[in-house]
C-alpha cells in the first residue's frame, strides 16, 4: 500500500510498484485497469504504460461495479480502520498508521480462499 499526499503522486508510486514487481517477482504487468480519473489518464501515465507494453483498460464513468474488487477492498479498509483505532483509543491523526496496520493484518492472516 502506498499512502499519497496528493493524487499527483500516483504516477511515481505506480512506477515504484511496477519496478518492485519486476525485480522481486520477475513478473510483468499485462493489463492495468482503472477508472477515468485524471491521475490515471495523464500524459506521463499513458506514455509509461504504452512504453512498457501494458494495456490500459478503463471503466465507464459512474460504474463502480466494473472495479468491483478494488472498490470492495477500499470499503473493507474504510470499515476496519476506524474499528481497530476506536478499539485501542488511537486519535484520528494516526489514520495512516491505522490503515497500514489493517493492510498488514489482512495480508498476514489466513483467509478462507486457501481452505479446501
C-alpha atoms as a PDB file:
ATOM      1  CA  UNK A   1       0.000   0.000   0.000  1.00  0.00           C
ATOM      2  CA  UNK A   2       1.206   3.457  -0.866  1.00  0.00           C
ATOM      3  CA  UNK A   3      -0.037   6.457   1.092  1.00  0.00           C
ATOM      4  CA  UNK A   4      -0.404   9.523  -1.127  1.00  0.00           C
ATOM      5  CA  UNK A   5      -0.349  13.155  -0.079  1.00  0.00           C
ATOM      6  CA  UNK A   6      -1.792  14.191  -3.440  1.00  0.00           C
ATOM      7  CA  UNK A   7      -3.323  12.457  -6.444  1.00  0.00           C
ATOM      8  CA  UNK A   8      -0.390  13.701  -8.488  1.00  0.00           C
ATOM      9  CA  UNK A   9       1.795  11.164  -6.622  1.00  0.00           C
ATOM     10  CA  UNK A  10       0.029   8.240  -8.338  1.00  0.00           C
ATOM     11  CA  UNK A  11       2.407   8.121 -11.295  1.00  0.00           C
ATOM     12  CA  UNK A  12       5.632   7.943  -9.266  1.00  0.00           C
ATOM     13  CA  UNK A  13       4.134   5.368  -6.886  1.00  0.00           C
ATOM     14  CA  UNK A  14       2.982   3.258  -9.831  1.00  0.00           C
ATOM     15  CA  UNK A  15       6.490   3.368 -11.305  1.00  0.00           C
ATOM     16  CA  UNK A  16       7.947   2.235  -7.960  1.00  0.00           C
ATOM     17  CA  UNK A  17       5.379  -0.562  -7.683  1.00  0.00           C
ATOM     18  CA  UNK A  18       5.994  -1.699 -11.259  1.00  0.00           C
ATOM     19  CA  UNK A  19       9.744  -1.851 -10.611  1.00  0.00           C
ATOM     20  CA  UNK A  20       9.191  -3.772  -7.370  1.00  0.00           C
ATOM     21  CA  UNK A  21       7.014  -6.395  -9.106  1.00  0.00           C
ATOM     22  CA  UNK A  22       9.531  -6.791 -11.942  1.00  0.00           C
ATOM     23  CA  UNK A  23      12.557  -7.101  -9.645  1.00  0.00           C
ATOM     24  CA  UNK A  24      11.183  -9.078  -6.716  1.00  0.00           C
ATOM     25  CA  UNK A  25       8.854 -11.454  -8.520  1.00  0.00           C
ATOM     26  CA  UNK A  26      10.213 -11.486 -12.088  1.00  0.00           C
ATOM     27  CA  UNK A  27       6.673 -10.825 -13.209  1.00  0.00           C
ATOM     28  CA  UNK A  28       5.256  -8.328 -15.665  1.00  0.00           C
ATOM     29  CA  UNK A  29       2.008  -6.426 -15.875  1.00  0.00           C
ATOM     30  CA  UNK A  30      -0.063  -7.172 -18.932  1.00  0.00           C
ATOM     31  CA  UNK A  31      -3.099  -5.043 -18.132  1.00  0.00           C
ATOM     32  CA  UNK A  32      -3.777  -2.066 -15.885  1.00  0.00           C
ATOM     33  CA  UNK A  33      -7.423  -1.350 -15.081  1.00  0.00           C
ATOM     34  CA  UNK A  34      -8.525   1.963 -13.632  1.00  0.00           C
ATOM     35  CA  UNK A  35     -11.366   4.419 -13.604  1.00  0.00           C
ATOM     36  CA  UNK A  36     -11.185   7.557 -15.729  1.00  0.00           C
ATOM     37  CA  UNK A  37      -9.705   9.821 -13.055  1.00  0.00           C
ATOM     38  CA  UNK A  38      -7.176  12.315 -14.358  1.00  0.00           C
ATOM     39  CA  UNK A  39      -4.229  10.812 -12.466  1.00  0.00           C
ATOM     40  CA  UNK A  40      -4.583   7.584 -14.467  1.00  0.00           C
ATOM     41  CA  UNK A  41      -5.170   9.352 -17.769  1.00  0.00           C
ATOM     42  CA  UNK A  42      -2.205  11.742 -17.587  1.00  0.00           C
ATOM     43  CA  UNK A  43       0.239  12.001 -20.444  1.00  0.00           C
ATOM     44  CA  UNK A  44       3.051  10.571 -18.289  1.00  0.00           C
ATOM     45  CA  UNK A  45       0.991   7.555 -17.211  1.00  0.00           C
ATOM     46  CA  UNK A  46      -0.296   6.861 -20.713  1.00  0.00           C
ATOM     47  CA  UNK A  47       3.222   7.067 -22.157  1.00  0.00           C
ATOM     48  CA  UNK A  48       4.683   4.864 -19.392  1.00  0.00           C
ATOM     49  CA  UNK A  49       2.050   2.162 -19.864  1.00  0.00           C
ATOM     50  CA  UNK A  50       2.450   2.215 -23.649  1.00  0.00           C
ATOM     51  CA  UNK A  51       6.263   2.155 -23.432  1.00  0.00           C
ATOM     52  CA  UNK A  52       6.136  -0.892 -21.112  1.00  0.00           C
ATOM     53  CA  UNK A  53       3.580  -2.746 -23.238  1.00  0.00           C
ATOM     54  CA  UNK A  54       0.854  -2.568 -20.597  1.00  0.00           C
ATOM     55  CA  UNK A  55      -2.729  -2.443 -21.859  1.00  0.00           C
ATOM     56  CA  UNK A  56      -4.731   0.259 -20.058  1.00  0.00           C
ATOM     57  CA  UNK A  57      -8.400  -0.607 -19.589  1.00  0.00           C
ATOM     58  CA  UNK A  58     -10.751   1.947 -18.105  1.00  0.00           C
ATOM     59  CA  UNK A  59     -14.209   1.568 -16.647  1.00  0.00           C
ATOM     60  CA  UNK A  60     -17.182   3.653 -17.646  1.00  0.00           C
ATOM     61  CA  UNK A  61     -17.861   6.768 -15.599  1.00  0.00           C
ATOM     62  CA  UNK A  62     -20.148   6.114 -12.629  1.00  0.00           C
ATOM     63  CA  UNK A  63     -19.893   2.304 -12.762  1.00  0.00           C
ATOM     64  CA  UNK A  64     -18.110   1.287  -9.582  1.00  0.00           C
ATOM     65  CA  UNK A  65     -19.114  -2.323 -10.254  1.00  0.00           C
ATOM     66  CA  UNK A  66     -16.509  -2.597 -13.033  1.00  0.00           C
ATOM     67  CA  UNK A  67     -13.750  -2.103 -10.454  1.00  0.00           C
ATOM     68  CA  UNK A  68     -15.537  -4.383  -8.004  1.00  0.00           C
ATOM     69  CA  UNK A  69     -12.538  -5.993  -6.286  1.00  0.00           C
ATOM     70  CA  UNK A  70     -10.711  -2.728  -5.647  1.00  0.00           C
ATOM     71  CA  UNK A  71     -13.904  -0.947  -4.571  1.00  0.00           C
ATOM     72  CA  UNK A  72     -14.676  -3.795  -2.165  1.00  0.00           C
ATOM     73  CA  UNK A  73     -11.149  -3.653  -0.703  1.00  0.00           C
ATOM     74  CA  UNK A  74     -11.408   0.121  -0.237  1.00  0.00           C
ATOM     75  CA  UNK A  75     -14.756  -0.310   1.508  1.00  0.00           C
ATOM     76  CA  UNK A  76     -13.259  -3.051   3.690  1.00  0.00           C
ATOM     77  CA  UNK A  77     -10.358  -0.800   4.731  1.00  0.00           C
ATOM     78  CA  UNK A  78     -12.721   2.094   5.460  1.00  0.00           C
ATOM     79  CA  UNK A  79     -14.704  -0.154   7.805  1.00  0.00           C
ATOM     80  CA  UNK A  80     -11.851  -1.929   9.576  1.00  0.00           C
ATOM     81  CA  UNK A  81      -9.525   1.028  10.120  1.00  0.00           C
ATOM     82  CA  UNK A  82     -11.826   3.106  12.340  1.00  0.00           C
ATOM     83  CA  UNK A  83     -12.928  -0.054  14.173  1.00  0.00           C
ATOM     84  CA  UNK A  84      -9.387  -1.001  15.138  1.00  0.00           C
ATOM     85  CA  UNK A  85      -8.473   2.595  16.006  1.00  0.00           C
ATOM     86  CA  UNK A  86     -11.548   3.023  18.185  1.00  0.00           C
ATOM     87  CA  UNK A  87     -10.861  -0.257  19.968  1.00  0.00           C
ATOM     88  CA  UNK A  88      -7.364   0.803  21.040  1.00  0.00           C
ATOM     89  CA  UNK A  89      -8.218   4.516  21.505  1.00  0.00           C
ATOM     90  CA  UNK A  90      -5.937   5.917  18.791  1.00  0.00           C
ATOM     91  CA  UNK A  91      -6.583   9.534  17.696  1.00  0.00           C
ATOM     92  CA  UNK A  92      -7.682  10.217  14.095  1.00  0.00           C
ATOM     93  CA  UNK A  93      -4.404  11.977  13.307  1.00  0.00           C
ATOM     94  CA  UNK A  94      -2.802   8.499  13.180  1.00  0.00           C
ATOM     95  CA  UNK A  95      -5.198   7.327  10.444  1.00  0.00           C
ATOM     96  CA  UNK A  96      -2.362   6.460   8.054  1.00  0.00           C
ATOM     97  CA  UNK A  97      -0.800   4.128  10.631  1.00  0.00           C
ATOM     98  CA  UNK A  98      -4.206   2.549  11.229  1.00  0.00           C
ATOM     99  CA  UNK A  99      -4.699   1.833   7.524  1.00  0.00           C
ATOM    100  CA  UNK A 100      -1.200   0.375   7.203  1.00  0.00           C
ATOM    101  CA  UNK A 101      -1.840  -1.829  10.239  1.00  0.00           C
ATOM    102  CA  UNK A 102      -5.119  -3.122   8.808  1.00  0.00           C
ATOM    103  CA  UNK A 103      -3.448  -3.860   5.452  1.00  0.00           C
ATOM    104  CA  UNK A 104      -0.645  -5.698   7.267  1.00  0.00           C
ATOM    105  CA  UNK A 105      -3.146  -7.784   9.231  1.00  0.00           C
ATOM    106  CA  UNK A 106      -5.226  -8.623   6.165  1.00  0.00           C
ATOM    107  CA  UNK A 107      -2.099  -9.681   4.264  1.00  0.00           C
ATOM    108  CA  UNK A 108      -0.781 -11.869   7.084  1.00  0.00           C
ATOM    109  CA  UNK A 109      -3.906 -13.628   8.335  1.00  0.00           C
ATOM    110  CA  UNK A 110      -5.115 -16.836   6.692  1.00  0.00           C
ATOM    111  CA  UNK A 111      -8.206 -16.481   4.543  1.00  0.00           C
ATOM    112  CA  UNK A 112     -10.989 -18.870   3.625  1.00  0.00           C
ATOM    113  CA  UNK A 113      -9.945 -18.910  -0.028  1.00  0.00           C
ATOM    114  CA  UNK A 114      -6.993 -21.164   0.849  1.00  0.00           C
ATOM    115  CA  UNK A 115      -9.136 -23.688   2.728  1.00  0.00           C
ATOM    116  CA  UNK A 116     -10.289 -26.598   0.583  1.00  0.00           C
END
